[in-house]
Amino acid sequence: MKDLSEKQKIWVFPKDLGACIARLATVQRAAEKIAVKLKPLAEEEKALREHLINKFPKDKLKGARGSGLSLNIFPVRIPQIEDWAKFFAFAKKKGNEDLLPQSIARDAWKQRADAGKTVPGIKIFATNVLRVTKDKGEKK
């Protein structure tokens, strides 16, 4: 855990707006390249996890050791809704509201807002999003 007194990184940005935009584009491209390189590793990790999880029940193992490492497997219960109507009827009852997520499905809200419909209980928080695109005709 980080010590709260540890200094936060202080970024130094170019003074020129164009240079800042160029740096943002460079950082975005670098992050995208890294994400592309990480994808095969993430897929292999997922396949290895599935392989090990499938291997354990057959051998009736709860853990294993090898190459100076140890691995433990333990059950986790994950709820899945099979009857939405029954679930919502129960969740809407007083005392069960904590079963419902506390967020808005933005796409569903946007569709209604674009159609001119108001969703009660919603307050709009306005923010800005940056998108860097290459100007047409310019080569870099």
Protein backbone atom coordinates (compact mmCIF):
# COMPACT_ATOMS: atom_id res chain seq x y z
CA MET A 1 0.00 0.00 0.00
CA LYS A 2 1.28 3.47 -0.83
CA ASP A 3 2.23 5.81 1.94
CA LEU A 4 -0.17 8.77 1.86
CA SER A 5 2.71 11.18 2.43
CA GLU A 6 4.39 9.97 -0.78
CA LYS A 7 4.64 12.77 -3.37
CA GLN A 8 2.34 12.59 -6.35
CA LYS A 9 3.98 12.60 -9.78
CA ILE A 10 4.18 16.13 -11.12
CA TRP A 11 3.78 16.19 -14.87
CA VAL A 12 5.58 18.76 -16.97
CA PHE A 13 3.66 19.56 -20.13
CA PRO A 14 4.82 21.44 -23.22
CA LYS A 15 3.79 25.11 -23.11
CA ASP A 16 2.65 25.06 -26.75
CA LEU A 17 -0.92 23.78 -27.26
CA GLY A 18 0.02 22.01 -30.48
CA ALA A 19 2.88 20.23 -28.73
CA CYS A 20 0.49 19.12 -25.96
CA ILE A 21 -1.93 17.71 -28.54
CA ALA A 22 0.94 15.93 -30.30
CA ARG A 23 2.14 14.46 -26.98
CA LEU A 24 -1.41 13.24 -26.19
CA ALA A 25 -1.60 11.55 -29.59
CA THR A 26 1.83 9.94 -29.04
CA VAL A 27 0.84 8.63 -25.61
CA GLN A 28 -2.45 7.27 -26.97
CA ARG A 29 -0.66 5.47 -29.82
CA ALA A 30 1.89 4.00 -27.39
CA ALA A 31 -0.89 2.79 -25.07
CA GLU A 32 -2.74 1.22 -28.03
CA LYS A 33 0.44 -0.60 -29.15
CA ILE A 34 0.99 -1.94 -25.64
CA ALA A 35 -2.65 -3.07 -25.43
CA VAL A 36 -2.23 -4.98 -28.71
CA LYS A 37 0.91 -6.69 -27.34
CA LEU A 38 -0.82 -7.52 -24.05
CA LYS A 39 -3.86 -9.15 -25.68
CA PRO A 40 -2.11 -12.46 -26.55
CA LEU A 41 -0.70 -12.66 -23.01
CA ALA A 42 -4.13 -12.04 -21.50
CA GLU A 43 -5.61 -14.75 -23.75
CA GLU A 44 -2.86 -17.20 -22.78
CA GLU A 45 -3.35 -16.37 -19.08
CA LYS A 46 -7.09 -17.04 -19.42
CA ALA A 47 -6.44 -20.36 -21.18
CA LEU A 48 -3.91 -21.41 -18.51
CA ARG A 49 -6.35 -20.53 -15.71
CA GLU A 50 -9.12 -22.56 -17.40
CA HIS A 51 -6.72 -25.47 -17.95
CA LEU A 52 -5.64 -25.49 -14.30
CA ILE A 53 -9.19 -25.09 -12.98
CA ASN A 54 -10.37 -28.00 -15.17
CA LYS A 55 -7.43 -30.13 -14.08
CA PHE A 56 -7.99 -29.68 -10.34
CA PRO A 57 -11.39 -31.38 -9.86
CA LYS A 58 -10.23 -34.46 -11.78
CA ASP A 59 -7.24 -34.84 -9.48
CA LYS A 60 -9.25 -33.76 -6.41
CA LEU A 61 -6.57 -31.20 -5.63
CA LYS A 62 -7.05 -28.00 -3.65
CA GLY A 63 -3.62 -26.68 -4.49
CA ALA A 64 -0.31 -27.54 -6.07
CA ARG A 65 3.34 -26.62 -5.84
CA GLY A 66 5.95 -26.45 -8.53
CA SER A 67 9.00 -24.42 -9.58
CA GLY A 68 9.08 -22.75 -6.17
CA LEU A 69 5.51 -21.52 -6.57
CA SER A 70 2.23 -22.59 -5.05
CA LEU A 71 -1.29 -22.39 -6.44
CA ASN A 72 -4.50 -22.68 -4.45
CA ILE A 73 -7.95 -23.21 -5.84
CA PHE A 74 -11.06 -22.35 -3.88
CA PRO A 75 -14.74 -22.18 -4.78
CA VAL A 76 -16.47 -18.84 -5.34
CA ARG A 77 -20.22 -18.45 -5.69
CA ILE A 78 -21.31 -16.05 -8.44
CA PRO A 79 -25.02 -15.23 -8.73
CA GLN A 80 -26.67 -15.25 -12.16
CA ILE A 81 -30.21 -14.07 -12.79
CA GLU A 82 -32.42 -16.64 -14.49
CA ASP A 83 -35.76 -14.88 -13.92
CA TRP A 84 -35.53 -11.09 -14.12
CA ALA A 85 -39.19 -10.53 -13.20
CA LYS A 86 -38.84 -12.51 -9.95
CA PHE A 87 -35.52 -10.86 -9.17
CA PHE A 88 -36.85 -7.31 -9.67
CA ALA A 89 -40.01 -8.05 -7.68
CA PHE A 90 -37.83 -9.14 -4.76
CA ALA A 91 -35.19 -6.40 -5.15
CA LYS A 92 -37.80 -3.61 -5.22
CA LYS A 93 -39.16 -4.60 -1.79
CA LYS A 94 -38.04 -2.45 1.11
CA GLY A 95 -34.74 -3.68 2.49
CA ASN A 96 -33.62 -5.36 -0.73
CA GLU A 97 -32.66 -2.25 -2.73
CA ASP A 98 -28.96 -3.01 -2.20
CA LEU A 99 -29.30 -5.84 -4.75
CA LEU A 100 -29.79 -3.29 -7.53
CA PRO A 101 -26.72 -1.62 -9.08
CA GLN A 102 -26.25 2.05 -8.31
CA SER A 103 -25.36 3.23 -11.81
CA ILE A 104 -27.09 4.32 -14.99
CA ALA A 105 -26.93 2.39 -18.25
CA ARG A 106 -25.64 5.36 -20.26
CA ASP A 107 -26.61 4.02 -23.68
CA ALA A 108 -30.20 3.38 -22.57
CA TRP A 109 -30.39 6.82 -20.95
CA LYS A 110 -28.91 8.49 -24.07
CA GLN A 111 -31.46 6.81 -26.36
CA ARG A 112 -34.29 8.19 -24.23
CA ALA A 113 -32.70 11.64 -23.95
CA ASP A 114 -32.12 11.76 -27.73
CA ALA A 115 -35.81 10.85 -28.20
CA GLY A 116 -36.77 13.81 -25.96
CA LYS A 117 -37.83 11.67 -22.99
CA THR A 118 -36.97 12.66 -19.43
CA VAL A 119 -35.82 10.04 -16.94
CA PRO A 120 -36.97 11.04 -13.42
CA GLY A 121 -34.35 11.38 -10.72
CA ILE A 122 -31.49 12.12 -13.13
CA LYS A 123 -29.19 15.12 -12.90
CA ILE A 124 -26.83 15.84 -15.79
CA PHE A 125 -23.13 16.24 -15.08
CA ALA A 126 -21.43 17.92 -18.01
CA THR A 127 -17.79 17.18 -18.75
CA ASN A 128 -15.49 17.26 -21.73
CA VAL A 129 -13.92 14.41 -23.66
CA LEU A 130 -10.82 14.80 -25.80
CA ARG A 131 -10.45 13.04 -29.13
CA VAL A 132 -7.30 13.45 -31.17
CA THR A 133 -7.61 12.98 -34.92
CA LYS A 134 -5.18 13.56 -37.74
CA ASP A 135 -5.93 16.59 -39.87
CA LYS A 136 -6.72 15.73 -43.47
CA GLY A 137 -3.92 16.51 -45.84
CA GLU A 138 -1.22 16.55 -43.13
CA LYS A 139 1.32 13.76 -42.95
CA LYS A 140 3.38 12.87 -39.93
